[in-house]
C-alpha cells in the first residue's frame, strides 16, 4: 500500500466499493474507475474527485492509472471475467485484488468491529458506527449503506483504534477480515449460486468465526444453526430480543415510538428509545449496543446515540408518514428479510392495510427460494410483483416472477406490474401503507411515488 499512487475500481458504483474509494481519496491518492451506469452515488464520488466513466473501454482509463508499478486495481466479484478493462490489467501484469482483500489489508492494523449475517448487517453496522462516533471511543467505518446521520458510507477517525466493518459473506469476502469483535445476526442460506448448499453456507460462517482475534469477542444471535469455531481466549455472548446474554425487557411499542431496557453483562441500560422505531431494530440495536459496550462506550453515550440514530437509505426508509398514508422503502431481498420487514410494519401500523411492491433480485435466488418468497409476501394484504432484476446474471429458463406469483396465497390480492407503471398506479389508487421491497433498481421510482403520495395528503 505504501507505494500506491493511484487505485482503479472496476465496479466503482457499488456501495461497498465507494467506501474504499472515499478512503483513498482522503489519503490524497488518485482514484479512477468504471461502472455500467451513472447514479447519484457515482455523481457524488466524481464531485469528491474520482475519475469515473461508464463504458467498458480501455482508452478511457485515466493516464494516472496506467503505471502498473504504482496502480492498484480493485474489482467486485460481480464483474465478469470477459470485461475488457479487467482483461487489460491482467494482461499487463497489474496488481489486482478483490474489494474484500483491500478492506482486509486496510483494517488489519485496527480493532475491527465486524457485523456479519444474512440480514441486518447494514443497519446494525450503521448503528454501531453511530454509537461509537457519539462516544469518546470514536471509530472509523466502512458501511454498506448511506447513513442518514452522516450522509456517507465511510467515516474516518484519526485517533480511534476501532473500525466498524460490514462483513459481507458474498463470495466468501468476509474471510479476508480479522475481527476484534463480531456480531453474527443470522445465517439463513443465501447466495447458493456461490455456495451450492446450505451446509457450505453455514461452514463459511463457521470459518469466519475462527478468524476473530484471540482475546476478542463473538456476539451471536440465539437459535442459529451455525456453530462457531472460536480461537482460545475469544469470549462468546448470545443475544436476541427476548433472551441471551444481551436482550430487551419492558418493551413498549405504540404512538410511533419503541422504548425498552437493555439487559447486558456489561451493565443494564434503562429506557432506550429507537430513533427508527420498527421492531426489527430492537434486535439490531441490541447487537450494536453489545459491540459498543465491548469497545468501551458508556451507558449514557449509548442511550443518547440510539435515540438520535437516523437510519440508512433503503433500510426501513420512511418517505411519507401520516395518518392517511405511509410510504417505506426497504432493501429486503431475501425471504426472511421480507418476512421480518412485513411483521415489523404490522406491529407498528397495527390494523392498517399493507401493500407491498416487490422486485425479485437475481434469477438464481428466485429459483432457489420462490416458495419462501411467496410465503413471506402472503403476509401482505396486497402484492404488486415486478419482473426480476438480473444484476450480474443471465436469464435462467423457466425462472420469472410468475413462479413466485403463482405460489402467493389466493386470499391475498395480487397482480404482476411493470416498474415503469408504478407512478400511474399510485396516482390512480389510494394505498394506506405502501412498502417498496427489493435490492435492484426499484428504489429509483421511490422519490416520484413519495411526491405523488404527499400530494394526496395535501
Protein backbone atom coordinates (compact mmCIF):
# COMPACT_ATOMS: atom_id res chain seq x y z
CA UNK A 1 0.00 0.00 0.00
CA UNK A 2 2.90 2.40 0.69
CA UNK A 3 3.90 2.53 -2.98
CA UNK A 4 0.41 3.09 -4.39
CA UNK A 5 -0.22 6.41 -6.11
CA UNK A 6 -3.46 5.51 -7.85
CA UNK A 7 -6.28 2.99 -7.47
CA UNK A 8 -8.59 1.93 -10.29
CA UNK A 9 -12.01 0.46 -9.40
CA UNK A 10 -13.91 -1.84 -11.76
CA UNK A 11 -17.48 -1.67 -10.50
CA UNK A 12 -16.90 1.76 -8.97
CA UNK A 13 -20.59 2.48 -8.31
CA UNK A 14 -21.08 -0.36 -5.82
CA UNK A 15 -21.89 0.72 -2.29
CA UNK A 16 -19.02 -1.28 -0.78
CA UNK A 17 -16.56 -0.13 -3.44
CA UNK A 18 -17.48 3.52 -2.92
CA UNK A 19 -16.44 3.40 0.75
CA UNK A 20 -12.96 2.26 -0.33
CA UNK A 21 -12.84 4.98 -3.00
CA UNK A 22 -13.62 7.57 -0.36
CA UNK A 23 -10.85 6.19 1.84
CA UNK A 24 -8.23 6.51 -0.90
CA UNK A 25 -9.46 9.97 -1.89
CA UNK A 26 -8.99 11.16 1.71
CA UNK A 27 -5.41 9.81 1.54
CA UNK A 28 -4.66 12.03 -1.47
CA UNK A 29 -4.43 9.04 -3.84
CA UNK A 30 -5.76 9.29 -7.41
CA UNK A 31 -8.97 7.29 -7.83
CA UNK A 32 -10.32 6.20 -11.21
CA UNK A 33 -12.94 3.68 -12.17
CA UNK A 34 -15.62 2.17 -14.36
CA UNK A 35 -19.26 1.28 -13.82
CA UNK A 36 -22.13 0.45 -16.15
CA UNK A 37 -24.36 3.43 -15.40
CA UNK A 38 -24.11 6.76 -13.60
CA UNK A 39 -26.06 7.05 -10.36
CA UNK A 40 -26.47 9.68 -7.63
CA UNK A 41 -23.67 7.88 -5.77
CA UNK A 42 -21.24 8.00 -8.71
CA UNK A 43 -22.03 11.69 -9.14
CA UNK A 44 -21.10 12.27 -5.51
CA UNK A 45 -17.85 10.34 -5.99
CA UNK A 46 -16.99 12.40 -9.06
CA UNK A 47 -17.65 15.58 -7.07
CA UNK A 48 -15.24 14.27 -4.42
CA UNK A 49 -12.53 13.79 -7.04
CA UNK A 50 -12.97 10.29 -8.51
CA UNK A 51 -12.28 9.97 -12.27
CA UNK A 52 -15.13 7.71 -13.43
CA UNK A 53 -16.51 6.61 -16.79
CA UNK A 54 -19.41 4.39 -17.86
CA UNK A 55 -18.24 2.47 -20.91
CA UNK A 56 -16.09 -0.68 -20.89
CA UNK A 57 -13.32 0.98 -22.86
CA UNK A 58 -9.59 0.69 -22.12
CA UNK A 59 -8.96 4.02 -23.83
CA UNK A 60 -10.98 5.79 -21.15
CA UNK A 61 -8.78 4.60 -18.28
CA UNK A 62 -7.12 7.74 -16.81
CA UNK A 63 -3.43 8.14 -17.60
CA UNK A 64 -2.66 8.27 -13.87
CA UNK A 65 -3.90 4.66 -13.56
CA UNK A 66 -1.73 3.14 -16.30
CA UNK A 67 1.52 2.58 -14.36
CA UNK A 68 1.48 -0.98 -13.05
CA UNK A 69 4.20 -0.20 -10.50
CA UNK A 70 2.11 2.42 -8.68
CA UNK A 71 -1.51 1.46 -9.53
CA UNK A 72 -3.68 -0.97 -7.61
CA UNK A 73 -6.71 -2.39 -9.44
CA UNK A 74 -9.74 -3.31 -7.34
CA UNK A 75 -12.74 -5.20 -8.68
CA UNK A 76 -16.01 -6.57 -7.43
CA UNK A 77 -16.90 -10.25 -7.96
CA UNK A 78 -19.97 -9.11 -9.91
CA UNK A 79 -17.66 -8.12 -12.81
CA UNK A 80 -17.41 -10.93 -15.42
CA UNK A 81 -14.01 -12.27 -16.50
CA UNK A 82 -14.81 -11.14 -20.04
CA UNK A 83 -14.69 -7.47 -19.04
CA UNK A 84 -12.16 -5.88 -21.39
CA UNK A 85 -10.67 -3.46 -18.83
CA UNK A 86 -10.17 -6.27 -16.32
CA UNK A 87 -8.55 -8.38 -19.06
CA UNK A 88 -6.27 -5.45 -19.97
CA UNK A 89 -4.97 -5.06 -16.40
CA UNK A 90 -4.42 -8.81 -16.11
CA UNK A 91 -2.55 -8.99 -19.41
CA UNK A 92 -0.31 -6.06 -18.41
CA UNK A 93 0.60 -7.59 -15.03
CA UNK A 94 -1.06 -5.06 -12.71
CA UNK A 95 -1.67 -5.88 -9.05
CA UNK A 96 -5.36 -6.82 -8.93
CA UNK A 97 -7.34 -7.50 -5.77
CA UNK A 98 -10.94 -8.06 -4.80
CA UNK A 99 -12.59 -5.36 -2.73
CA UNK A 100 -12.60 -7.63 0.33
CA UNK A 101 -8.85 -8.21 0.12
CA UNK A 102 -8.17 -4.47 0.15
CA UNK A 103 -10.60 -3.92 3.01
CA UNK A 104 -8.90 -6.70 4.97
CA UNK A 105 -5.48 -5.13 4.43
CA UNK A 106 -6.63 -1.62 5.37
CA UNK A 107 -8.33 -2.75 8.55
CA UNK A 108 -5.70 -5.24 9.76
CA UNK A 109 -3.96 -2.58 11.83
CA UNK A 110 -7.21 -1.55 13.58
CA UNK A 111 -9.56 -3.26 16.01
CA UNK A 112 -12.35 -4.39 13.71
CA UNK A 113 -15.92 -4.36 15.00
CA UNK A 114 -17.43 -6.52 12.26
CA UNK A 115 -21.09 -7.28 11.60
CA UNK A 116 -21.87 -10.44 9.63
CA UNK A 117 -25.10 -12.26 8.79
CA UNK A 118 -27.64 -12.85 6.08
CA UNK A 119 -29.85 -9.99 7.30
CA UNK A 120 -29.44 -6.82 9.31
CA UNK A 121 -25.76 -6.17 8.55
CA UNK A 122 -26.10 -2.65 7.19
CA UNK A 123 -28.45 -1.27 9.83
CA UNK A 124 -26.53 -2.90 12.69
CA UNK A 125 -23.20 -1.65 11.28
CA UNK A 126 -24.54 1.88 10.91
CA UNK A 127 -26.00 1.81 14.43
CA UNK A 128 -22.69 0.58 15.85
CA UNK A 129 -20.76 3.28 13.99
CA UNK A 130 -23.17 5.99 15.18
CA UNK A 131 -22.89 4.91 18.81
CA UNK A 132 -19.09 4.83 18.57
CA UNK A 133 -18.95 8.23 16.84
CA UNK A 134 -21.13 9.75 19.56
CA UNK A 135 -18.94 8.26 22.29
CA UNK A 136 -15.49 9.23 23.47
CA UNK A 137 -14.16 5.99 21.92
CA UNK A 138 -15.00 7.05 18.31
CA UNK A 139 -14.32 4.88 15.22
CA UNK A 140 -13.69 4.74 11.50
CA UNK A 141 -16.26 2.81 9.43
CA UNK A 142 -16.75 1.07 6.07
CA UNK A 143 -20.51 0.60 5.66
CA UNK A 144 -22.81 -1.00 3.09
CA UNK A 145 -25.29 1.86 3.03
CA UNK A 146 -25.53 5.65 3.22
CA UNK A 147 -26.25 6.72 6.79
CA UNK A 148 -28.84 9.42 7.38
CA UNK A 149 -26.78 10.90 10.21
CA UNK A 150 -23.61 11.42 8.17
CA UNK A 151 -24.71 11.26 4.52
CA UNK A 152 -21.93 8.80 3.67
CA UNK A 153 -20.85 5.16 3.96
CA UNK A 154 -17.27 5.98 5.02
CA UNK A 155 -16.27 7.54 8.33
CA UNK A 156 -12.73 8.28 9.43
CA UNK A 157 -11.22 8.90 12.86
CA UNK A 158 -7.55 9.87 13.07
CA UNK A 159 -7.31 8.69 16.69
CA UNK A 160 -9.66 5.78 17.42
CA UNK A 161 -8.23 2.24 17.28
CA UNK A 162 -11.65 0.88 16.22
CA UNK A 163 -13.10 0.42 12.73
CA UNK A 164 -16.67 -0.74 12.09
CA UNK A 165 -16.93 -3.06 9.09
CA UNK A 166 -19.89 -4.65 7.36
CA UNK A 167 -18.67 -8.22 6.84
CA UNK A 168 -20.10 -9.47 3.54
CA UNK A 169 -20.45 -13.23 3.05
CA UNK A 170 -20.94 -13.00 -0.73
CA UNK A 171 -18.09 -14.82 -2.49
CA UNK A 172 -16.65 -15.55 0.99
CA UNK A 173 -15.45 -11.93 1.16
CA UNK A 174 -15.54 -11.83 4.97
CA UNK A 175 -12.79 -14.45 5.15
CA UNK A 176 -10.29 -11.63 4.44
CA UNK A 177 -11.14 -9.93 7.75
CA UNK A 178 -9.57 -10.45 11.18
CA UNK A 179 -12.19 -9.06 13.59
CA UNK A 180 -11.50 -7.93 17.11
CA UNK A 181 -15.18 -8.40 17.92
CA UNK A 182 -18.01 -9.54 15.71
CA UNK A 183 -21.77 -9.90 15.63
CA UNK A 184 -23.43 -12.66 13.60
CA UNK A 185 -27.07 -11.64 13.11
CA UNK A 186 -28.41 -14.60 11.10
CA UNK A 187 -27.32 -17.47 8.88
CA UNK A 188 -30.36 -18.18 6.70
CA UNK A 189 -28.94 -19.69 3.49
CA UNK A 190 -28.36 -17.23 0.62
CA UNK A 191 -26.02 -16.88 -2.37
CA UNK A 192 -26.47 -20.53 -3.24
CA UNK A 193 -25.15 -19.68 -6.72
CA UNK A 194 -21.81 -19.28 -4.89
CA UNK A 195 -22.07 -21.81 -2.06
CA UNK A 196 -24.15 -24.54 -3.67
CA UNK A 197 -25.57 -25.94 -0.43
CA UNK A 198 -26.89 -24.77 2.91
CA UNK A 199 -24.14 -26.76 4.62
CA UNK A 200 -21.40 -24.93 2.68
CA UNK A 201 -23.01 -21.59 3.57
CA UNK A 202 -23.04 -22.45 7.29
CA UNK A 203 -19.45 -23.72 7.11
CA UNK A 204 -18.40 -20.37 5.66
CA UNK A 205 -19.73 -18.60 8.76
CA UNK A 206 -18.06 -21.17 11.00
CA UNK A 207 -14.74 -20.44 9.29
CA UNK A 208 -15.35 -16.70 9.67
CA UNK A 209 -15.89 -17.12 13.43
CA UNK A 210 -12.45 -18.72 13.71
CA UNK A 211 -10.88 -15.53 12.30
CA UNK A 212 -11.86 -13.49 15.38
CA UNK A 213 -8.68 -12.50 17.20
CA UNK A 214 -7.76 -14.19 20.45
CA UNK A 215 -8.94 -12.05 23.40
CA UNK A 216 -11.71 -10.73 21.13
CA UNK A 217 -15.44 -11.50 21.27
CA UNK A 218 -18.29 -13.00 19.27
CA UNK A 219 -21.89 -11.88 19.85
CA UNK A 220 -24.18 -14.36 18.09
CA UNK A 221 -27.96 -14.36 17.75
CA UNK A 222 -29.65 -17.17 19.65
CA UNK A 223 -31.03 -20.13 17.73
CA UNK A 224 -28.69 -20.11 14.74
CA UNK A 225 -27.86 -23.46 13.12
CA UNK A 226 -24.25 -22.39 12.59
CA UNK A 227 -21.91 -23.47 15.41
CA UNK A 228 -18.93 -21.16 15.95
CA UNK A 229 -15.32 -22.33 15.94
CA UNK A 230 -13.51 -19.89 18.21
CA UNK A 231 -9.84 -19.46 18.97
CA UNK A 232 -8.69 -19.75 22.58
CA UNK A 233 -9.44 -16.59 24.53
CA UNK A 234 -12.38 -15.40 22.40
CA UNK A 235 -15.37 -14.53 24.57
CA UNK A 236 -18.76 -15.84 23.38
CA UNK A 237 -22.01 -13.97 24.03
CA UNK A 238 -25.57 -14.55 22.80
CA UNK A 239 -28.29 -12.01 22.07
CA UNK A 240 -31.88 -11.67 20.87
CA UNK A 241 -34.98 -9.65 21.56
CA UNK A 242 -36.16 -11.85 24.41
CA UNK A 243 -33.23 -13.98 25.61
CA UNK A 244 -29.46 -14.34 25.69
CA UNK A 245 -26.61 -12.53 27.43
CA UNK A 246 -27.86 -9.34 25.78
CA UNK A 247 -31.66 -8.94 25.47
CA UNK A 248 -34.51 -6.49 25.91
CA UNK A 249 -37.01 -6.12 28.73
CA UNK A 250 -40.05 -3.89 29.31
CA UNK A 251 -40.63 -3.27 25.58
CA UNK A 252 -43.21 -0.56 24.85
CA UNK A 253 -44.41 -0.12 21.24
CA UNK A 254 -47.00 2.49 20.34
CA UNK A 255 -47.59 6.02 19.21
CA UNK A 256 -44.78 5.74 16.70
CA UNK A 257 -42.22 5.01 19.46
CA UNK A 258 -40.33 1.96 20.71
CA UNK A 259 -38.75 2.07 24.17
CA UNK A 260 -37.09 -0.80 26.06
CA UNK A 261 -34.43 -1.70 28.64
CA UNK A 262 -31.19 -3.47 27.68
CA UNK A 263 -30.09 -6.38 29.85
CA UNK A 264 -26.33 -6.79 29.47
CA UNK A 265 -23.39 -8.49 31.23
CA UNK A 266 -21.61 -5.12 30.92
CA UNK A 267 -24.37 -3.24 32.76
CA UNK A 268 -28.08 -2.75 32.07
CA UNK A 269 -29.37 0.40 30.37
CA UNK A 270 -32.91 1.68 31.01
CA UNK A 271 -35.38 3.49 28.72
CA UNK A 272 -33.63 3.16 25.38
CA UNK A 273 -35.64 4.80 22.61
CA UNK A 274 -35.12 3.75 18.99
CA UNK A 275 -34.51 6.61 16.58
CA UNK A 276 -36.00 4.42 13.82
CA UNK A 277 -38.98 2.82 15.58
CA UNK A 278 -39.51 -0.51 13.79
CA UNK A 279 -39.48 -3.70 15.80
CA UNK A 280 -36.66 -5.46 13.90
CA UNK A 281 -34.42 -2.63 15.12
CA UNK A 282 -34.78 -3.97 18.66
CA UNK A 283 -32.63 -6.95 17.62
CA UNK A 284 -30.33 -4.78 15.51
CA UNK A 285 -29.99 -2.28 18.34
CA UNK A 286 -29.16 -4.93 20.94
CA UNK A 287 -26.36 -6.24 18.71
CA UNK A 288 -24.97 -2.75 18.08
CA UNK A 289 -25.08 -1.82 21.76
CA UNK A 290 -23.31 -5.08 22.66
CA UNK A 291 -20.38 -4.24 20.37
CA UNK A 292 -20.29 -0.66 21.64
CA UNK A 293 -20.16 -1.85 25.26
CA UNK A 294 -17.37 -4.31 24.43
CA UNK A 295 -15.46 -1.40 22.85
CA UNK A 296 -15.93 0.81 25.92
CA UNK A 297 -18.85 3.17 25.16
CA UNK A 298 -20.74 4.30 28.28
CA UNK A 299 -24.42 3.72 29.05
CA UNK A 300 -25.33 7.38 28.63
CA UNK A 301 -23.44 7.66 25.32
CA UNK A 302 -25.23 4.55 24.02
CA UNK A 303 -28.67 5.71 25.14
CA UNK A 304 -28.32 9.13 23.52
CA UNK A 305 -26.93 7.68 20.28
CA UNK A 306 -29.73 5.12 19.91
CA UNK A 307 -32.31 7.91 20.18
CA UNK A 308 -30.58 10.07 17.56
CA UNK A 309 -29.85 7.28 15.04
CA UNK A 310 -31.50 8.38 11.80
CA UNK A 311 -31.31 5.14 9.85
CA UNK A 312 -29.84 4.15 6.49
CA UNK A 313 -31.02 4.82 2.96
CA UNK A 314 -33.31 1.99 1.78
CA UNK A 315 -33.40 0.27 5.17
CA UNK A 316 -36.87 0.91 6.58
CA UNK A 317 -36.61 4.31 4.97
CA UNK A 318 -39.74 6.36 5.70
CA UNK A 319 -40.56 8.69 2.78
CA UNK A 320 -44.12 9.52 3.88
CA UNK A 321 -45.59 9.01 7.35
CA UNK A 322 -49.01 10.47 8.06
CA UNK A 323 -52.39 9.37 9.41
CA UNK A 324 -53.59 8.80 5.83
CA UNK A 325 -50.54 7.42 4.03
CA UNK A 326 -47.25 5.69 4.80
CA UNK A 327 -44.54 5.02 2.19
CA UNK A 328 -41.48 2.96 3.14
CA UNK A 329 -38.61 1.67 1.02
CA UNK A 330 -36.69 -1.36 2.25
CA UNK A 331 -33.72 -3.20 0.73
CA UNK A 332 -35.15 -6.57 1.83
CA UNK A 333 -34.39 -9.12 -0.90
CA UNK A 334 -34.27 -12.47 0.92
CA UNK A 335 -37.48 -14.26 2.02
CA UNK A 336 -36.64 -13.98 5.71
CA UNK A 337 -35.78 -10.29 5.39
CA UNK A 338 -39.12 -9.67 3.67
CA UNK A 339 -40.97 -11.62 6.37
CA UNK A 340 -39.30 -9.62 9.15
CA UNK A 341 -39.93 -6.36 7.32
CA UNK A 342 -43.65 -7.05 6.92
CA UNK A 343 -44.05 -8.28 10.50
CA UNK A 344 -42.31 -5.13 11.78
CA UNK A 345 -44.63 -2.94 9.71
CA UNK A 346 -47.66 -4.84 11.01
CA UNK A 347 -46.51 -4.33 14.59
CA UNK A 348 -46.03 -0.58 14.21
CA UNK A 349 -49.07 0.05 11.97
CA UNK A 350 -51.44 -2.47 13.51
CA UNK A 351 -54.82 -2.64 11.78
CA UNK A 352 -53.83 -0.73 8.63
CA UNK A 353 -53.89 -2.22 5.12
CA UNK A 354 -50.38 -3.01 3.88
CA UNK A 355 -49.43 -3.21 0.19
CA UNK A 356 -46.01 -4.36 -0.96
CA UNK A 357 -44.23 -3.74 -4.25
CA UNK A 358 -41.55 -6.40 -4.72
CA UNK A 359 -38.82 -6.65 -7.35
CA UNK A 360 -37.02 -10.03 -7.06
CA UNK A 361 -33.22 -9.77 -7.18
CA UNK A 362 -31.35 -12.42 -9.22
CA UNK A 363 -32.71 -15.34 -11.22
CA UNK A 364 -30.79 -17.85 -9.09
CA UNK A 365 -32.20 -16.51 -5.80
CA UNK A 366 -35.72 -16.59 -7.28
CA UNK A 367 -35.20 -20.18 -8.43
CA UNK A 368 -33.85 -21.27 -5.06
CA UNK A 369 -36.40 -19.52 -2.83
CA UNK A 370 -39.55 -18.79 -4.86
CA UNK A 371 -41.85 -20.69 -2.48
CA UNK A 372 -40.29 -18.91 0.51
CA UNK A 373 -40.73 -15.53 -1.21
CA UNK A 374 -44.39 -16.34 -1.83
CA UNK A 375 -44.92 -17.36 1.81
CA UNK A 376 -43.42 -14.08 3.05
CA UNK A 377 -45.32 -11.93 0.55
CA UNK A 378 -48.54 -13.71 1.59
CA UNK A 379 -48.27 -11.81 4.90
CA UNK A 380 -49.28 -8.66 2.98
CA UNK A 381 -52.83 -7.58 2.16
CA UNK A 382 -51.84 -6.80 -1.42
CA UNK A 383 -48.81 -7.59 -3.61
CA UNK A 384 -47.59 -5.76 -6.72
CA UNK A 385 -44.94 -8.03 -8.24
CA UNK A 386 -42.37 -6.71 -10.73
CA UNK A 387 -40.00 -8.50 -13.11
CA UNK A 388 -36.72 -9.93 -11.80
CA UNK A 389 -33.74 -7.58 -11.57
CA UNK A 390 -30.91 -9.69 -13.08
CA UNK A 391 -27.88 -7.80 -11.68
CA UNK A 392 -24.87 -9.92 -12.65
CA UNK A 393 -26.87 -12.87 -14.05
CA UNK A 394 -28.21 -14.10 -17.38
CA UNK A 395 -31.80 -15.42 -17.51
CA UNK A 396 -32.49 -18.98 -16.34
CA UNK A 397 -35.04 -20.93 -18.37
CA UNK A 398 -38.38 -21.23 -16.60
CA UNK A 399 -37.49 -18.70 -13.89
CA UNK A 400 -39.51 -15.48 -13.71
CA UNK A 401 -41.56 -13.53 -11.17
CA UNK A 402 -44.54 -15.64 -12.24
CA UNK A 403 -43.30 -18.66 -10.26
CA UNK A 404 -43.48 -16.53 -7.08
CA UNK A 405 -46.83 -15.06 -8.13
CA UNK A 406 -48.43 -18.47 -8.58
CA UNK A 407 -47.45 -19.55 -5.03
CA UNK A 408 -48.83 -16.47 -3.22
CA UNK A 409 -51.90 -17.40 -1.17
CA UNK A 410 -55.20 -16.91 -3.02
CA UNK A 411 -56.71 -14.71 -0.31
CA UNK A 412 -54.01 -12.06 -0.97
CA UNK A 413 -54.84 -9.51 -3.67
CA UNK A 414 -52.01 -9.81 -6.19
CA UNK A 415 -51.02 -8.61 -9.65
CA UNK A 416 -48.00 -8.50 -11.93
CA UNK A 417 -46.89 -4.97 -12.80
CA UNK A 418 -44.13 -3.20 -14.71
CA UNK A 419 -41.95 -0.95 -12.56
CA UNK A 420 -42.42 1.87 -15.10
CA UNK A 421 -46.19 1.81 -14.38
CA UNK A 422 -45.89 2.23 -10.61
CA UNK A 423 -46.28 6.02 -10.65
CA UNK A 424 -49.55 5.76 -12.53
CA UNK A 425 -50.83 3.01 -10.24
CA UNK A 426 -50.04 5.01 -7.09
CA UNK A 427 -51.62 8.10 -8.62
CA UNK A 428 -54.84 6.32 -9.57
CA UNK A 429 -55.27 4.20 -6.43
CA UNK A 430 -55.32 5.08 -2.75
CA UNK A 431 -52.90 2.96 -0.74
CA UNK A 432 -52.75 3.04 3.06
CA UNK A 433 -49.28 1.64 3.94
CA UNK A 434 -47.10 1.02 0.87
CA UNK A 435 -43.69 -0.64 1.14
CA UNK A 436 -41.20 -0.88 -1.73
CA UNK A 437 -39.15 -4.09 -1.35
CA UNK A 438 -36.04 -5.23 -3.21
CA UNK A 439 -32.32 -4.71 -3.83
CA UNK A 440 -32.49 -3.88 -7.55
CA UNK A 441 -33.31 -0.57 -9.24
CA UNK A 442 -36.89 -0.38 -7.94
CA UNK A 443 -35.89 2.36 -5.49
CA UNK A 444 -35.23 4.71 -8.41
CA UNK A 445 -39.00 5.19 -8.58
CA UNK A 446 -39.49 5.86 -4.86
CA UNK A 447 -38.97 9.67 -4.94
CA UNK A 448 -41.72 10.03 -7.56
CA UNK A 449 -44.04 7.75 -5.60
CA UNK A 450 -43.36 9.83 -2.47
CA UNK A 451 -44.15 13.04 -4.35
CA UNK A 452 -47.48 11.62 -5.57
CA UNK A 453 -48.36 10.31 -2.10
CA UNK A 454 -47.59 13.63 -0.41
CA UNK A 455 -49.83 15.44 -2.92
CA UNK A 456 -52.69 13.20 -1.81
CA UNK A 457 -52.08 14.21 1.80
CA UNK A 458 -52.39 17.91 0.99
